[in-house]
């Protein structure tokens, strides 16, 4: 009878050990829960950052080619002075008050616009901001004066 009791108590002890093992797996220690929570937060943060990066890429990618094309507009610049502009073959445009490259200057269109403007009276150009020193209508002196 004693051996039967021993077997029952051994089975009972094993059942208790199994139950404790299951409880320990289900009820993890606090440090394990903190690590698990931190991992979830880190995963959520990484996912959020990736989503924001994807959104930024999708939002701004179409503009990249647009701005890249704009860089070619200024390849025929006429520089900063009349001498440099003339050396590059640029023409002074009084209506815009700017030097324009030969690729951008259409003499017929310019002359037509100039003639229509002159029908309303000549432009008045001044060498100072107060309008006290009037300049002549000749292109040459006007193209030399950066303050007109």
Protein backbone atom coordinates (compact mmCIF):
# COMPACT_ATOMS: atom_id res chain seq x y z
CA UNK A 1 0.00 0.00 0.00
CA UNK A 2 2.88 2.20 0.67
CA UNK A 3 4.17 1.95 -2.89
CA UNK A 4 0.73 2.88 -4.23
CA UNK A 5 0.67 5.98 -2.05
CA UNK A 6 4.14 6.93 -3.18
CA UNK A 7 3.11 6.66 -6.82
CA UNK A 8 0.06 8.84 -6.24
CA UNK A 9 2.07 11.46 -4.42
CA UNK A 10 4.70 11.41 -7.21
CA UNK A 11 1.97 11.90 -9.83
CA UNK A 12 0.50 14.70 -7.74
CA UNK A 13 3.92 16.35 -7.40
CA UNK A 14 4.51 16.13 -11.15
CA UNK A 15 1.09 17.62 -11.83
CA UNK A 16 1.85 20.49 -9.46
CA UNK A 17 5.21 21.07 -11.16
CA UNK A 18 3.56 21.10 -14.56
CA UNK A 19 0.92 23.54 -13.33
CA UNK A 20 3.59 25.84 -11.86
CA UNK A 21 5.53 25.70 -15.12
CA UNK A 22 2.44 26.68 -17.10
CA UNK A 23 1.68 29.51 -14.66
CA UNK A 24 5.27 30.77 -14.89
CA UNK A 25 5.04 30.82 -18.68
CA UNK A 26 1.70 32.62 -18.66
CA UNK A 27 2.58 34.98 -15.84
CA UNK A 28 5.97 36.16 -17.00
CA UNK A 29 8.14 38.12 -14.59
CA UNK A 30 7.87 41.92 -14.60
CA UNK A 31 11.27 42.41 -16.28
CA UNK A 32 10.10 40.22 -19.17
CA UNK A 33 6.92 42.26 -19.55
CA UNK A 34 8.96 45.49 -19.63
CA UNK A 35 11.23 44.11 -22.34
CA UNK A 36 8.22 42.95 -24.30
CA UNK A 37 6.57 46.38 -23.99
CA UNK A 38 9.78 48.13 -25.05
CA UNK A 39 10.12 45.86 -28.06
CA UNK A 40 6.54 46.63 -29.09
CA UNK A 41 7.18 50.38 -28.71
CA UNK A 42 10.39 50.13 -30.72
CA UNK A 43 8.65 48.16 -33.44
CA UNK A 44 5.81 50.69 -33.58
CA UNK A 45 8.28 53.59 -33.73
CA UNK A 46 10.27 52.00 -36.55
CA UNK A 47 7.07 51.28 -38.48
CA UNK A 48 5.91 54.88 -38.01
CA UNK A 49 9.25 56.27 -39.20
CA UNK A 50 9.22 54.03 -42.26
CA UNK A 51 5.65 55.11 -43.05
CA UNK A 52 6.63 58.80 -42.75
CA UNK A 53 9.68 58.27 -44.96
CA UNK A 54 7.55 56.54 -47.59
CA UNK A 55 5.00 59.37 -47.45
CA UNK A 56 7.73 62.00 -47.84
CA UNK A 57 9.27 60.15 -50.77
CA UNK A 58 5.92 59.74 -52.53
CA UNK A 59 5.02 63.38 -51.87
CA UNK A 60 8.25 64.98 -53.09
CA UNK A 61 9.48 62.56 -55.76
CA UNK A 62 7.35 64.10 -58.57
CA UNK A 63 8.91 67.52 -57.94
CA UNK A 64 12.46 66.23 -58.33
CA UNK A 65 12.28 65.99 -62.11
CA UNK A 66 10.47 69.35 -62.29
CA UNK A 67 13.24 71.19 -60.45
CA UNK A 68 15.93 69.26 -62.29
CA UNK A 69 14.60 70.60 -65.60
CA UNK A 70 14.65 74.19 -64.27
CA UNK A 71 18.43 74.04 -63.92
CA UNK A 72 18.83 74.08 -67.70
CA UNK A 73 17.10 77.46 -68.03
CA UNK A 74 20.15 79.36 -66.81
CA UNK A 75 22.80 77.72 -68.98
CA UNK A 76 22.89 80.72 -71.36
CA UNK A 77 23.30 83.44 -68.76
CA UNK A 78 24.63 86.79 -69.86
CA UNK A 79 26.69 87.37 -66.70
CA UNK A 80 26.70 90.45 -64.47
CA UNK A 81 28.22 93.25 -66.55
CA UNK A 82 27.70 94.76 -70.00
CA UNK A 83 31.21 93.72 -71.09
CA UNK A 84 30.66 90.08 -70.12
CA UNK A 85 27.23 90.06 -71.77
CA UNK A 86 28.56 91.52 -75.03
CA UNK A 87 31.42 89.01 -75.02
CA UNK A 88 28.84 86.21 -74.85
CA UNK A 89 26.84 87.70 -77.73
CA UNK A 90 23.90 88.85 -75.60
CA UNK A 91 21.56 91.71 -76.56
CA UNK A 92 20.24 94.38 -74.20
CA UNK A 93 16.43 94.39 -74.01
CA UNK A 94 15.11 97.78 -72.90
CA UNK A 95 11.58 96.59 -72.16
CA UNK A 96 12.87 94.02 -69.67
CA UNK A 97 15.91 96.09 -68.82
CA UNK A 98 18.04 92.97 -69.03
CA UNK A 99 20.66 91.32 -71.17
CA UNK A 100 19.29 88.34 -73.08
CA UNK A 101 21.15 85.56 -74.83
CA UNK A 102 20.71 85.20 -78.57
CA UNK A 103 18.77 81.98 -77.96
CA UNK A 104 16.14 83.96 -76.00
CA UNK A 105 16.11 87.18 -78.05
CA UNK A 106 13.74 87.53 -81.02
CA UNK A 107 14.48 90.84 -82.73
CA UNK A 108 11.14 90.94 -84.60
CA UNK A 109 9.07 90.36 -81.46
CA UNK A 110 11.18 92.87 -79.55
CA UNK A 111 10.85 95.54 -82.28
CA UNK A 112 7.09 95.01 -82.48
CA UNK A 113 6.70 95.38 -78.69
CA UNK A 114 9.01 98.40 -78.66
CA UNK A 115 7.05 100.16 -81.43
CA UNK A 116 3.73 99.57 -79.65
CA UNK A 117 5.22 100.94 -76.42
CA UNK A 118 6.58 104.03 -78.17
CA UNK A 119 3.11 104.83 -79.58
CA UNK A 120 2.07 105.67 -76.01
CA UNK A 121 5.06 107.93 -75.56
CA UNK A 122 8.74 107.38 -74.81
CA UNK A 123 9.93 105.70 -71.67
CA UNK A 124 11.61 107.91 -69.15
CA UNK A 125 14.74 106.48 -67.60
CA UNK A 126 16.42 107.94 -64.55
CA UNK A 127 19.87 107.42 -63.09
CA UNK A 128 18.70 107.86 -59.50
CA UNK A 129 15.84 106.58 -57.38
CA UNK A 130 14.40 110.10 -56.89
CA UNK A 131 13.98 110.65 -60.65
CA UNK A 132 16.09 113.80 -60.81
CA UNK A 133 18.68 112.78 -63.44
CA UNK A 134 16.94 111.70 -66.66
CA UNK A 135 18.87 109.46 -69.06
CA UNK A 136 18.65 109.58 -72.87
CA UNK A 137 16.64 106.97 -74.78
CA UNK A 138 19.77 105.45 -76.35
CA UNK A 139 20.33 101.79 -75.60
CA UNK A 140 24.08 102.06 -75.14
CA UNK A 141 24.10 104.38 -72.10
CA UNK A 142 21.11 102.60 -70.59
CA UNK A 143 22.76 99.19 -70.90
CA UNK A 144 25.84 100.49 -69.08
CA UNK A 145 23.94 101.91 -66.09
CA UNK A 146 23.01 99.21 -63.53
CA UNK A 147 20.89 101.56 -61.42
CA UNK A 148 18.27 102.58 -63.99
